[in-house]
Amino acid sequence: MSTDSSSAASSASNGAASKSLADVSANRASHRTPGNNPIGSGLEARGVHAWFSKHHALSNVSLDFAAGTVTALIGPSGCGKSTFIRTLNRMHEFIPGAAMAGEVLLDGKDVYADGIDVTKIRLQIGMVFQKPNPFPSMTIGENVLSGLKLAQIKAENKDDLLEECLVRSGLWNEVKDRLDAHAGGLSGGQQQRLCIARALAVKPKVLLMDEPCSALDPGSTLRIEDTIVELAKSITIVIVTHNMQQAARVSDYTAFFLSDGGPGQMIEVGPTNEIFSRPSDQRTENYVSGRFG
């Protein structure tokens, strides 16, 4: 095959991939609209910067997360996606030498303001990590309710809450007859859904998910994605993913991040269907069509 023919074939393949992603997103959008539950004014990031000691990792990110929607953060490794979501519930400051600037507003209040109780912020803005992290010495039931105990929150009926969280996380039917079994006996996908149930028990307004399916098989990934779509009817979700098919399947909005030789920055954000079909920045087009990344 000649160089010109090879280039044309590659271009056609990239275009087909981009069109396929747009089709997936459009098909999803035709079956579901963003949630409109009255759960507050949502989460907003304004001019967020992040550092690790002297390394400027993230520059001037402003992004709003509408209540009851799913926003996917995409981009190459090292562009600041995970760093960004960790600034949203103040987990970034756990890292020695870490610093941030800017504002993160939840229901109009800056979570970094003086006098703010960090523990309460993390209850309202939950986190599910890349690797499932249930407490192995606890039972399945104890895992789900562990956040209540740590936060000293009283539940009127723990059995009802336990069932509710496991139903919402898509795990109830698989574990309802073995709630007293240790969580370490669950599969990886079940453990991840258990972690989602644990996060839901404290009634967060926002759920952050940092590549929650990267270590899971396709079947477990599909179950997590079904859970995300269902949860978004009543909660705001932000998900970091390297799987653009996943972003197309589950998200209402997509933000593209890129470091481009400097600190990570958000290149553009928009409805997922538009990002995959007609992005406004050529760098986004190059990424979603598979030309780099």
C-alpha atoms as a PDB file:
ATOM      1  CA  MET A   1       0.000   0.000   0.000  1.00  0.00           C
ATOM      2  CA  SER A   2       1.331   3.442  -0.873  1.00  0.00           C
ATOM      3  CA  THR A   3       1.974   6.084   1.788  1.00  0.00           C
ATOM      4  CA  ASP A   4      -0.963   8.145   0.501  1.00  0.00           C
ATOM      5  CA  SER A   5      -3.267   5.134   0.585  1.00  0.00           C
ATOM      6  CA  SER A   6      -2.096   4.198   4.074  1.00  0.00           C
ATOM      7  CA  SER A   7      -2.679   7.754   5.298  1.00  0.00           C
ATOM      8  CA  ALA A   8      -6.143   7.814   3.774  1.00  0.00           C
ATOM      9  CA  ALA A   9      -7.020   4.480   5.383  1.00  0.00           C
ATOM     10  CA  SER A  10      -5.796   5.691   8.756  1.00  0.00           C
ATOM     11  CA  SER A  11      -7.797   8.894   8.442  1.00  0.00           C
ATOM     12  CA  ALA A  12     -10.919   6.960   7.504  1.00  0.00           C
ATOM     13  CA  SER A  13     -10.417   4.633  10.469  1.00  0.00           C
ATOM     14  CA  ASN A  14      -9.994   7.551  12.876  1.00  0.00           C
ATOM     15  CA  GLY A  15     -13.087   9.231  11.483  1.00  0.00           C
ATOM     16  CA  ALA A  16     -15.090   6.025  11.861  1.00  0.00           C
ATOM     17  CA  ALA A  17     -13.956   5.659  15.484  1.00  0.00           C
ATOM     18  CA  SER A  18     -15.010   9.219  16.283  1.00  0.00           C
ATOM     19  CA  LYS A  19     -18.369   8.716  14.551  1.00  0.00           C
ATOM     20  CA  SER A  20     -18.899   5.475  16.463  1.00  0.00           C
ATOM     21  CA  LEU A  21     -18.342   7.250  19.793  1.00  0.00           C
ATOM     22  CA  ALA A  22     -20.745   9.996  18.794  1.00  0.00           C
ATOM     23  CA  ASP A  23     -23.335   7.388  17.819  1.00  0.00           C
ATOM     24  CA  VAL A  24     -22.996   5.637  21.184  1.00  0.00           C
ATOM     25  CA  SER A  25     -23.449   8.926  23.015  1.00  0.00           C
ATOM     26  CA  ALA A  26     -26.361  10.023  20.836  1.00  0.00           C
ATOM     27  CA  ASN A  27     -28.106   6.691  21.376  1.00  0.00           C
ATOM     28  CA  ARG A  28     -27.731   7.060  25.123  1.00  0.00           C
ATOM     29  CA  ALA A  29     -28.973  10.654  25.058  1.00  0.00           C
ATOM     30  CA  SER A  30     -32.105   9.579  23.213  1.00  0.00           C
ATOM     31  CA  HIS A  31     -33.011   7.268  26.088  1.00  0.00           C
ATOM     32  CA  ARG A  32     -32.187   9.471  29.044  1.00  0.00           C
ATOM     33  CA  THR A  33     -32.112  13.124  29.988  1.00  0.00           C
ATOM     34  CA  PRO A  34     -30.044  14.624  32.823  1.00  0.00           C
ATOM     35  CA  GLY A  35     -31.586  14.323  36.257  1.00  0.00           C
ATOM     36  CA  ASN A  36     -33.491  17.300  37.567  1.00  0.00           C
ATOM     37  CA  ASN A  37     -33.893  16.316  41.198  1.00  0.00           C
ATOM     38  CA  PRO A  38     -33.810  19.267  43.626  1.00  0.00           C
ATOM     39  CA  ILE A  39     -30.456  18.368  45.152  1.00  0.00           C
ATOM     40  CA  GLY A  40     -28.913  21.812  45.368  1.00  0.00           C
ATOM     41  CA  SER A  41     -27.036  24.056  43.003  1.00  0.00           C
ATOM     42  CA  GLY A  42     -24.366  21.458  42.320  1.00  0.00           C
ATOM     43  CA  LEU A  43     -20.575  21.562  42.362  1.00  0.00           C
ATOM     44  CA  GLU A  44     -18.411  24.260  40.781  1.00  0.00           C
ATOM     45  CA  ALA A  45     -14.655  24.616  40.330  1.00  0.00           C
ATOM     46  CA  ARG A  46     -13.323  28.102  39.689  1.00  0.00           C
ATOM     47  CA  GLY A  47      -9.756  28.782  38.619  1.00  0.00           C
ATOM     48  CA  VAL A  48      -8.332  25.650  40.254  1.00  0.00           C
ATOM     49  CA  HIS A  49      -4.546  25.206  40.251  1.00  0.00           C
ATOM     50  CA  ALA A  50      -2.674  22.328  41.892  1.00  0.00           C
ATOM     51  CA  TRP A  51       0.954  21.753  42.812  1.00  0.00           C
ATOM     52  CA  PHE A  52       3.075  18.915  44.119  1.00  0.00           C
ATOM     53  CA  SER A  53       5.864  20.829  45.851  1.00  0.00           C
ATOM     54  CA  LYS A  54       7.303  22.972  43.024  1.00  0.00           C
ATOM     55  CA  HIS A  55       5.644  20.989  40.232  1.00  0.00           C
ATOM     56  CA  HIS A  56       2.666  22.860  38.789  1.00  0.00           C
ATOM     57  CA  ALA A  57       0.387  19.930  37.914  1.00  0.00           C
ATOM     58  CA  LEU A  58      -2.863  21.665  37.049  1.00  0.00           C
ATOM     59  CA  SER A  59      -3.586  25.146  35.734  1.00  0.00           C
ATOM     60  CA  ASN A  60      -6.688  27.324  35.950  1.00  0.00           C
ATOM     61  CA  VAL A  61      -9.513  24.783  35.616  1.00  0.00           C
ATOM     62  CA  SER A  62     -13.059  26.122  35.867  1.00  0.00           C
ATOM     63  CA  LEU A  63     -15.833  23.600  35.488  1.00  0.00           C
ATOM     64  CA  ASP A  64     -19.449  23.312  36.656  1.00  0.00           C
ATOM     65  CA  PHE A  65     -21.135  20.005  37.418  1.00  0.00           C
ATOM     66  CA  ALA A  66     -24.892  20.265  37.057  1.00  0.00           C
ATOM     67  CA  ALA A  67     -26.972  18.484  39.679  1.00  0.00           C
ATOM     68  CA  GLY A  68     -28.063  15.008  38.624  1.00  0.00           C
ATOM     69  CA  THR A  69     -25.661  14.626  35.699  1.00  0.00           C
ATOM     70  CA  VAL A  70     -22.592  12.545  34.873  1.00  0.00           C
ATOM     71  CA  THR A  71     -19.453  14.370  33.730  1.00  0.00           C
ATOM     72  CA  ALA A  72     -16.572  12.345  32.266  1.00  0.00           C
ATOM     73  CA  LEU A  73     -13.005  13.642  32.416  1.00  0.00           C
ATOM     74  CA  ILE A  74     -10.887  12.276  29.549  1.00  0.00           C
ATOM     75  CA  GLY A  75      -7.333  12.849  28.357  1.00  0.00           C
ATOM     76  CA  PRO A  76      -3.884  11.209  28.282  1.00  0.00           C
ATOM     77  CA  SER A  77      -2.199   9.958  31.438  1.00  0.00           C
ATOM     78  CA  GLY A  78      -0.465  12.686  33.418  1.00  0.00           C
ATOM     79  CA  CYS A  79      -2.714  15.550  32.330  1.00  0.00           C
ATOM     80  CA  GLY A  80      -4.173  16.220  35.784  1.00  0.00           C
ATOM     81  CA  LYS A  81      -7.572  14.497  35.674  1.00  0.00           C
ATOM     82  CA  SER A  82      -7.145  12.550  38.917  1.00  0.00           C
ATOM     83  CA  THR A  83      -5.427  15.486  40.580  1.00  0.00           C
ATOM     84  CA  PHE A  84      -8.376  17.669  39.660  1.00  0.00           C
ATOM     85  CA  ILE A  85     -11.074  15.441  41.142  1.00  0.00           C
ATOM     86  CA  ARG A  86      -9.007  15.097  44.325  1.00  0.00           C
ATOM     87  CA  THR A  87      -9.141  18.866  44.735  1.00  0.00           C
ATOM     88  CA  LEU A  88     -12.939  18.686  44.611  1.00  0.00           C
ATOM     89  CA  ASN A  89     -13.263  17.010  48.012  1.00  0.00           C
ATOM     90  CA  ARG A  90      -9.951  18.157  49.499  1.00  0.00           C
ATOM     91  CA  MET A  91      -8.174  14.814  49.164  1.00  0.00           C
ATOM     92  CA  HIS A  92      -5.348  16.539  47.301  1.00  0.00           C
ATOM     93  CA  GLU A  93      -4.124  18.016  50.571  1.00  0.00           C
ATOM     94  CA  PHE A  94      -3.425  14.537  51.972  1.00  0.00           C
ATOM     95  CA  ILE A  95      -0.279  14.399  49.820  1.00  0.00           C
ATOM     96  CA  PRO A  96       2.860  15.881  51.454  1.00  0.00           C
ATOM     97  CA  GLY A  97       3.906  19.087  49.675  1.00  0.00           C
ATOM     98  CA  ALA A  98       0.600  19.405  47.820  1.00  0.00           C
ATOM     99  CA  ALA A  99      -1.021  22.807  47.395  1.00  0.00           C
ATOM    100  CA  MET A 100      -3.929  24.318  45.484  1.00  0.00           C
ATOM    101  CA  ALA A 101      -5.380  27.669  44.561  1.00  0.00           C
ATOM    102  CA  GLY A 102      -8.836  28.648  43.388  1.00  0.00           C
ATOM    103  CA  GLU A 103     -12.315  27.853  44.663  1.00  0.00           C
ATOM    104  CA  VAL A 104     -14.466  24.739  44.844  1.00  0.00           C
ATOM    105  CA  LEU A 105     -18.095  25.563  45.588  1.00  0.00           C
ATOM    106  CA  LEU A 106     -20.725  23.124  46.820  1.00  0.00           C
ATOM    107  CA  ASP A 107     -24.189  24.667  46.895  1.00  0.00           C
ATOM    108  CA  GLY A 108     -22.514  28.067  46.590  1.00  0.00           C
ATOM    109  CA  LYS A 109     -20.123  27.624  49.545  1.00  0.00           C
ATOM    110  CA  ASP A 110     -16.350  27.318  49.154  1.00  0.00           C
ATOM    111  CA  VAL A 111     -15.217  23.968  50.570  1.00  0.00           C
ATOM    112  CA  TYR A 112     -11.769  25.515  51.209  1.00  0.00           C
ATOM    113  CA  ALA A 113     -13.087  28.436  53.259  1.00  0.00           C
ATOM    114  CA  ASP A 114     -11.716  28.974  56.769  1.00  0.00           C
ATOM    115  CA  GLY A 115     -13.582  27.038  59.421  1.00  0.00           C
ATOM    116  CA  ILE A 116     -15.021  24.441  57.049  1.00  0.00           C
ATOM    117  CA  ASP A 117     -15.165  20.925  58.530  1.00  0.00           C
ATOM    118  CA  VAL A 118     -13.191  18.802  56.054  1.00  0.00           C
ATOM    119  CA  THR A 119     -14.804  15.588  57.284  1.00  0.00           C
ATOM    120  CA  LYS A 120     -18.263  16.910  56.467  1.00  0.00           C
ATOM    121  CA  ILE A 121     -17.106  17.961  53.009  1.00  0.00           C
ATOM    122  CA  ARG A 122     -15.899  14.438  52.278  1.00  0.00           C
ATOM    123  CA  LEU A 123     -19.223  13.038  53.434  1.00  0.00           C
ATOM    124  CA  GLN A 124     -21.045  15.265  50.947  1.00  0.00           C
ATOM    125  CA  ILE A 125     -18.537  14.654  48.135  1.00  0.00           C
ATOM    126  CA  GLY A 126     -17.731  10.943  48.169  1.00  0.00           C
ATOM    127  CA  MET A 127     -14.957   9.139  46.336  1.00  0.00           C
ATOM    128  CA  VAL A 128     -14.658   5.735  44.675  1.00  0.00           C
ATOM    129  CA  PHE A 129     -11.077   4.843  43.784  1.00  0.00           C
ATOM    130  CA  GLN A 130      -9.477   2.993  40.884  1.00  0.00           C
ATOM    131  CA  LYS A 131      -8.746  -0.088  42.999  1.00  0.00           C
ATOM    132  CA  PRO A 132     -11.579  -1.466  45.152  1.00  0.00           C
ATOM    133  CA  ASN A 133     -10.739  -0.915  48.809  1.00  0.00           C
ATOM    134  CA  PRO A 134     -13.300  -2.644  51.040  1.00  0.00           C
ATOM    135  CA  PHE A 135     -12.261  -3.343  54.616  1.00  0.00           C
ATOM    136  CA  PRO A 136     -11.262  -7.032  54.384  1.00  0.00           C
ATOM    137  CA  SER A 137     -11.768  -7.796  58.083  1.00  0.00           C
ATOM    138  CA  MET A 138     -15.350  -6.494  58.005  1.00  0.00           C
ATOM    139  CA  THR A 139     -18.424  -8.261  56.715  1.00  0.00           C
ATOM    140  CA  ILE A 140     -20.280  -7.053  53.641  1.00  0.00           C
ATOM    141  CA  GLY A 141     -22.906  -5.393  55.808  1.00  0.00           C
ATOM    142  CA  GLU A 142     -20.349  -3.799  58.110  1.00  0.00           C
ATOM    143  CA  ASN A 143     -18.501  -2.376  55.106  1.00  0.00           C
ATOM    144  CA  VAL A 144     -21.586  -0.605  53.805  1.00  0.00           C
ATOM    145  CA  LEU A 145     -22.343   0.983  57.173  1.00  0.00           C
ATOM    146  CA  SER A 146     -18.751   1.698  58.205  1.00  0.00           C
ATOM    147  CA  GLY A 147     -18.900   5.332  57.083  1.00  0.00           C
ATOM    148  CA  LEU A 148     -21.789   5.996  59.434  1.00  0.00           C
ATOM    149  CA  LYS A 149     -19.794   4.697  62.366  1.00  0.00           C
ATOM    150  CA  LEU A 150     -16.682   6.683  61.485  1.00  0.00           C
ATOM    151  CA  ALA A 151     -18.695   9.877  61.033  1.00  0.00           C
ATOM    152  CA  GLN A 152     -20.828   9.170  64.100  1.00  0.00           C
ATOM    153  CA  ILE A 153     -24.028   9.373  62.066  1.00  0.00           C
ATOM    154  CA  LYS A 154     -27.117   7.676  63.469  1.00  0.00           C
ATOM    155  CA  ALA A 155     -29.441   5.837  61.095  1.00  0.00           C
ATOM    156  CA  GLU A 156     -33.068   5.234  62.058  1.00  0.00           C
ATOM    157  CA  ASN A 157     -33.150   1.795  60.449  1.00  0.00           C
ATOM    158  CA  LYS A 158     -29.770   0.374  59.496  1.00  0.00           C
ATOM    159  CA  ASP A 159     -31.249  -2.720  57.857  1.00  0.00           C
ATOM    160  CA  ASP A 160     -33.335  -0.607  55.491  1.00  0.00           C
ATOM    161  CA  LEU A 161     -30.369   1.656  54.735  1.00  0.00           C
ATOM    162  CA  LEU A 162     -28.142  -1.342  54.090  1.00  0.00           C
ATOM    163  CA  GLU A 163     -30.595  -2.791  51.597  1.00  0.00           C
ATOM    164  CA  GLU A 164     -31.179   0.581  49.933  1.00  0.00           C
ATOM    165  CA  CYS A 165     -27.464   1.191  49.333  1.00  0.00           C
ATOM    166  CA  LEU A 166     -26.841  -2.308  48.025  1.00  0.00           C
ATOM    167  CA  VAL A 167     -29.851  -2.046  45.712  1.00  0.00           C
ATOM    168  CA  ARG A 168     -28.692   1.327  44.386  1.00  0.00           C
ATOM    169  CA  SER A 169     -25.190  -0.026  43.791  1.00  0.00           C
ATOM    170  CA  GLY A 170     -26.586  -3.033  41.921  1.00  0.00           C
ATOM    171  CA  LEU A 171     -25.250  -5.578  44.406  1.00  0.00           C
ATOM    172  CA  TRP A 172     -28.236  -6.533  46.567  1.00  0.00           C
ATOM    173  CA  ASN A 173     -29.391  -9.620  44.661  1.00  0.00           C
ATOM    174  CA  GLU A 174     -25.875 -11.043  44.666  1.00  0.00           C
ATOM    175  CA  VAL A 175     -25.137 -10.648  48.386  1.00  0.00           C
ATOM    176  CA  LYS A 176     -28.477 -10.426  50.246  1.00  0.00           C
ATOM    177  CA  ASP A 177     -28.081 -13.972  51.592  1.00  0.00           C
ATOM    178  CA  ARG A 178     -24.509 -13.500  52.807  1.00  0.00           C
ATOM    179  CA  LEU A 179     -24.329 -10.070  54.401  1.00  0.00           C
ATOM    180  CA  ASP A 180     -22.371 -11.571  57.295  1.00  0.00           C
ATOM    181  CA  ALA A 181     -19.662 -12.951  54.982  1.00  0.00           C
ATOM    182  CA  HIS A 182     -16.353 -11.127  54.772  1.00  0.00           C
ATOM    183  CA  ALA A 183     -15.992  -8.651  51.924  1.00  0.00           C
ATOM    184  CA  GLY A 184     -12.673 -10.173  50.822  1.00  0.00           C
ATOM    185  CA  GLY A 185     -14.605 -13.089  49.339  1.00  0.00           C
ATOM    186  CA  LEU A 186     -16.280 -10.910  46.711  1.00  0.00           C
ATOM    187  CA  SER A 187     -15.031 -10.598  43.145  1.00  0.00           C
ATOM    188  CA  GLY A 188     -13.270  -7.425  42.031  1.00  0.00           C
ATOM    189  CA  GLY A 189     -16.389  -6.041  40.378  1.00  0.00           C
ATOM    190  CA  GLN A 190     -18.518  -6.864  43.419  1.00  0.00           C
ATOM    191  CA  GLN A 191     -15.972  -5.209  45.697  1.00  0.00           C
ATOM    192  CA  GLN A 192     -16.120  -2.046  43.607  1.00  0.00           C
ATOM    193  CA  ARG A 193     -19.905  -1.961  43.805  1.00  0.00           C
ATOM    194  CA  LEU A 194     -19.602  -2.554  47.563  1.00  0.00           C
ATOM    195  CA  CYS A 195     -17.379   0.534  47.760  1.00  0.00           C
ATOM    196  CA  ILE A 196     -20.057   2.483  45.878  1.00  0.00           C
ATOM    197  CA  ALA A 197     -22.669   1.258  48.374  1.00  0.00           C
ATOM    198  CA  ARG A 198     -20.403   2.322  51.249  1.00  0.00           C
ATOM    199  CA  ALA A 199     -20.063   5.802  49.744  1.00  0.00           C
ATOM    200  CA  LEU A 200     -23.842   6.071  49.291  1.00  0.00           C
ATOM    201  CA  ALA A 201     -24.628   5.205  52.915  1.00  0.00           C
ATOM    202  CA  VAL A 202     -23.683   8.675  54.156  1.00  0.00           C
ATOM    203  CA  LYS A 203     -26.002  10.323  51.584  1.00  0.00           C
ATOM    204  CA  PRO A 204     -23.476  12.304  49.491  1.00  0.00           C
ATOM    205  CA  LYS A 205     -24.567  14.966  47.037  1.00  0.00           C
ATOM    206  CA  VAL A 206     -21.658  14.236  44.688  1.00  0.00           C
ATOM    207  CA  LEU A 207     -19.789  11.022  43.891  1.00  0.00           C
ATOM    208  CA  LEU A 208     -16.296  11.211  42.407  1.00  0.00           C
ATOM    209  CA  MET A 209     -15.046   8.097  40.586  1.00  0.00           C
ATOM    210  CA  ASP A 210     -11.379   7.763  39.607  1.00  0.00           C
ATOM    211  CA  GLU A 211     -11.158   5.154  36.828  1.00  0.00           C
ATOM    212  CA  PRO A 212     -13.494   2.811  38.724  1.00  0.00           C
ATOM    213  CA  CYS A 213     -13.505   0.137  36.011  1.00  0.00           C
ATOM    214  CA  SER A 214      -9.870   0.091  34.908  1.00  0.00           C
ATOM    215  CA  ALA A 215      -9.097  -3.173  36.731  1.00  0.00           C
ATOM    216  CA  LEU A 216     -12.398  -4.915  35.936  1.00  0.00           C
ATOM    217  CA  ASP A 217     -13.553  -7.368  33.289  1.00  0.00           C
ATOM    218  CA  PRO A 218     -16.099  -6.260  30.656  1.00  0.00           C
ATOM    219  CA  GLY A 219     -19.058  -7.816  32.481  1.00  0.00           C
ATOM    220  CA  SER A 220     -18.218  -6.090  35.763  1.00  0.00           C
ATOM    221  CA  THR A 221     -17.592  -2.842  33.896  1.00  0.00           C
ATOM    222  CA  LEU A 222     -21.065  -3.006  32.358  1.00  0.00           C
ATOM    223  CA  ARG A 223     -22.642  -3.489  35.791  1.00  0.00           C
ATOM    224  CA  ILE A 224     -20.758  -0.485  37.172  1.00  0.00           C
ATOM    225  CA  GLU A 225     -21.863   1.607  34.188  1.00  0.00           C
ATOM    226  CA  ASP A 226     -25.496   0.574  34.721  1.00  0.00           C
ATOM    227  CA  THR A 227     -25.093   1.623  38.357  1.00  0.00           C
ATOM    228  CA  ILE A 228     -23.681   5.017  37.350  1.00  0.00           C
ATOM    229  CA  VAL A 229     -26.593   5.730  35.001  1.00  0.00           C
ATOM    230  CA  GLU A 230     -29.101   4.774  37.695  1.00  0.00           C
ATOM    231  CA  LEU A 231     -27.374   6.798  40.445  1.00  0.00           C
ATOM    232  CA  ALA A 232     -27.268   9.912  38.264  1.00  0.00           C
ATOM    233  CA  LYS A 233     -31.033  10.235  38.639  1.00  0.00           C
ATOM    234  CA  SER A 234     -30.464  11.536  42.158  1.00  0.00           C
ATOM    235  CA  ILE A 235     -26.770  12.374  42.562  1.00  0.00           C
ATOM    236  CA  THR A 236     -24.057  14.296  40.709  1.00  0.00           C
ATOM    237  CA  ILE A 237     -21.271  12.054  39.359  1.00  0.00           C
ATOM    238  CA  VAL A 238     -17.796  12.952  38.084  1.00  0.00           C
ATOM    239  CA  ILE A 239     -15.837  10.085  36.530  1.00  0.00           C
ATOM    240  CA  VAL A 240     -12.244   9.950  35.312  1.00  0.00           C
ATOM    241  CA  THR A 241     -11.903   7.406  32.519  1.00  0.00           C
ATOM    242  CA  HIS A 242      -9.427   6.433  29.810  1.00  0.00           C
ATOM    243  CA  ASN A 243     -12.182   4.430  28.113  1.00  0.00           C
ATOM    244  CA  MET A 244     -13.848   6.778  25.662  1.00  0.00           C
ATOM    245  CA  GLN A 245     -16.533   4.223  24.865  1.00  0.00           C
ATOM    246  CA  GLN A 246     -17.374   4.335  28.553  1.00  0.00           C
ATOM    247  CA  ALA A 247     -17.525   8.123  28.530  1.00  0.00           C
ATOM    248  CA  ALA A 248     -19.887   7.931  25.559  1.00  0.00           C
ATOM    249  CA  ARG A 249     -22.077   5.345  27.277  1.00  0.00           C
ATOM    250  CA  VAL A 250     -22.511   6.946  30.697  1.00  0.00           C
ATOM    251  CA  SER A 251     -21.831  10.689  30.628  1.00  0.00           C
ATOM    252  CA  ASP A 252     -23.965  13.717  29.877  1.00  0.00           C
ATOM    253  CA  TYR A 253     -20.927  16.024  29.621  1.00  0.00           C
ATOM    254  CA  THR A 254     -17.289  15.386  28.790  1.00  0.00           C
ATOM    255  CA  ALA A 255     -14.250  17.519  29.611  1.00  0.00           C
ATOM    256  CA  PHE A 256     -10.972  16.977  27.763  1.00  0.00           C
ATOM    257  CA  PHE A 257      -7.719  17.559  29.671  1.00  0.00           C
ATOM    258  CA  LEU A 258      -4.213  17.873  28.221  1.00  0.00           C
ATOM    259  CA  SER A 259      -0.808  18.810  29.603  1.00  0.00           C
ATOM    260  CA  ASP A 260       0.788  19.818  26.273  1.00  0.00           C
ATOM    261  CA  GLY A 261       4.269  20.104  27.825  1.00  0.00           C
ATOM    262  CA  GLY A 262       3.154  22.272  30.759  1.00  0.00           C
ATOM    263  CA  PRO A 263       0.721  21.910  33.646  1.00  0.00           C
ATOM    264  CA  GLY A 264      -2.480  20.033  32.916  1.00  0.00           C
ATOM    265  CA  GLN A 265      -5.369  22.146  31.726  1.00  0.00           C
ATOM    266  CA  MET A 266      -8.913  21.668  30.532  1.00  0.00           C
ATOM    267  CA  ILE A 267      -9.018  22.180  26.779  1.00  0.00           C
ATOM    268  CA  GLU A 268     -12.781  22.120  26.367  1.00  0.00           C
ATOM    269  CA  VAL A 269     -16.018  20.804  27.856  1.00  0.00           C
ATOM    270  CA  GLY A 270     -19.429  20.210  26.347  1.00  0.00           C
ATOM    271  CA  PRO A 271     -22.260  17.726  25.939  1.00  0.00           C
ATOM    272  CA  THR A 272     -20.681  14.334  25.349  1.00  0.00           C
ATOM    273  CA  ASN A 273     -22.272  13.899  21.935  1.00  0.00           C
ATOM    274  CA  GLU A 274     -20.789  17.199  20.771  1.00  0.00           C
ATOM    275  CA  ILE A 275     -17.314  16.461  22.132  1.00  0.00           C
ATOM    276  CA  PHE A 276     -17.223  13.193  20.184  1.00  0.00           C
ATOM    277  CA  SER A 277     -18.890  14.469  17.001  1.00  0.00           C
ATOM    278  CA  ARG A 278     -17.867  18.115  16.589  1.00  0.00           C
ATOM    279  CA  PRO A 279     -15.304  19.292  19.176  1.00  0.00           C
ATOM    280  CA  SER A 280     -14.295  22.926  18.915  1.00  0.00           C
ATOM    281  CA  ASP A 281     -10.553  22.360  19.482  1.00  0.00           C
ATOM    282  CA  GLN A 282      -8.368  20.430  17.051  1.00  0.00           C
ATOM    283  CA  ARG A 283      -6.478  18.823  19.941  1.00  0.00           C
ATOM    284  CA  THR A 284      -9.724  17.326  21.213  1.00  0.00           C
ATOM    285  CA  GLU A 285     -10.528  16.082  17.717  1.00  0.00           C
ATOM    286  CA  ASN A 286      -7.095  14.462  17.483  1.00  0.00           C
ATOM    287  CA  TYR A 287      -7.553  12.705  20.828  1.00  0.00           C
ATOM    288  CA  VAL A 288     -11.087  11.387  20.412  1.00  0.00           C
ATOM    289  CA  SER A 289     -10.312  10.192  16.871  1.00  0.00           C
ATOM    290  CA  GLY A 290      -7.278   8.241  18.131  1.00  0.00           C
ATOM    291  CA  ARG A 291      -4.553  10.317  16.513  1.00  0.00           C
ATOM    292  CA  PHE A 292      -2.681  10.504  19.827  1.00  0.00           C
ATOM    293  CA  GLY A 293      -3.030   9.475  23.465  1.00  0.00           C
END
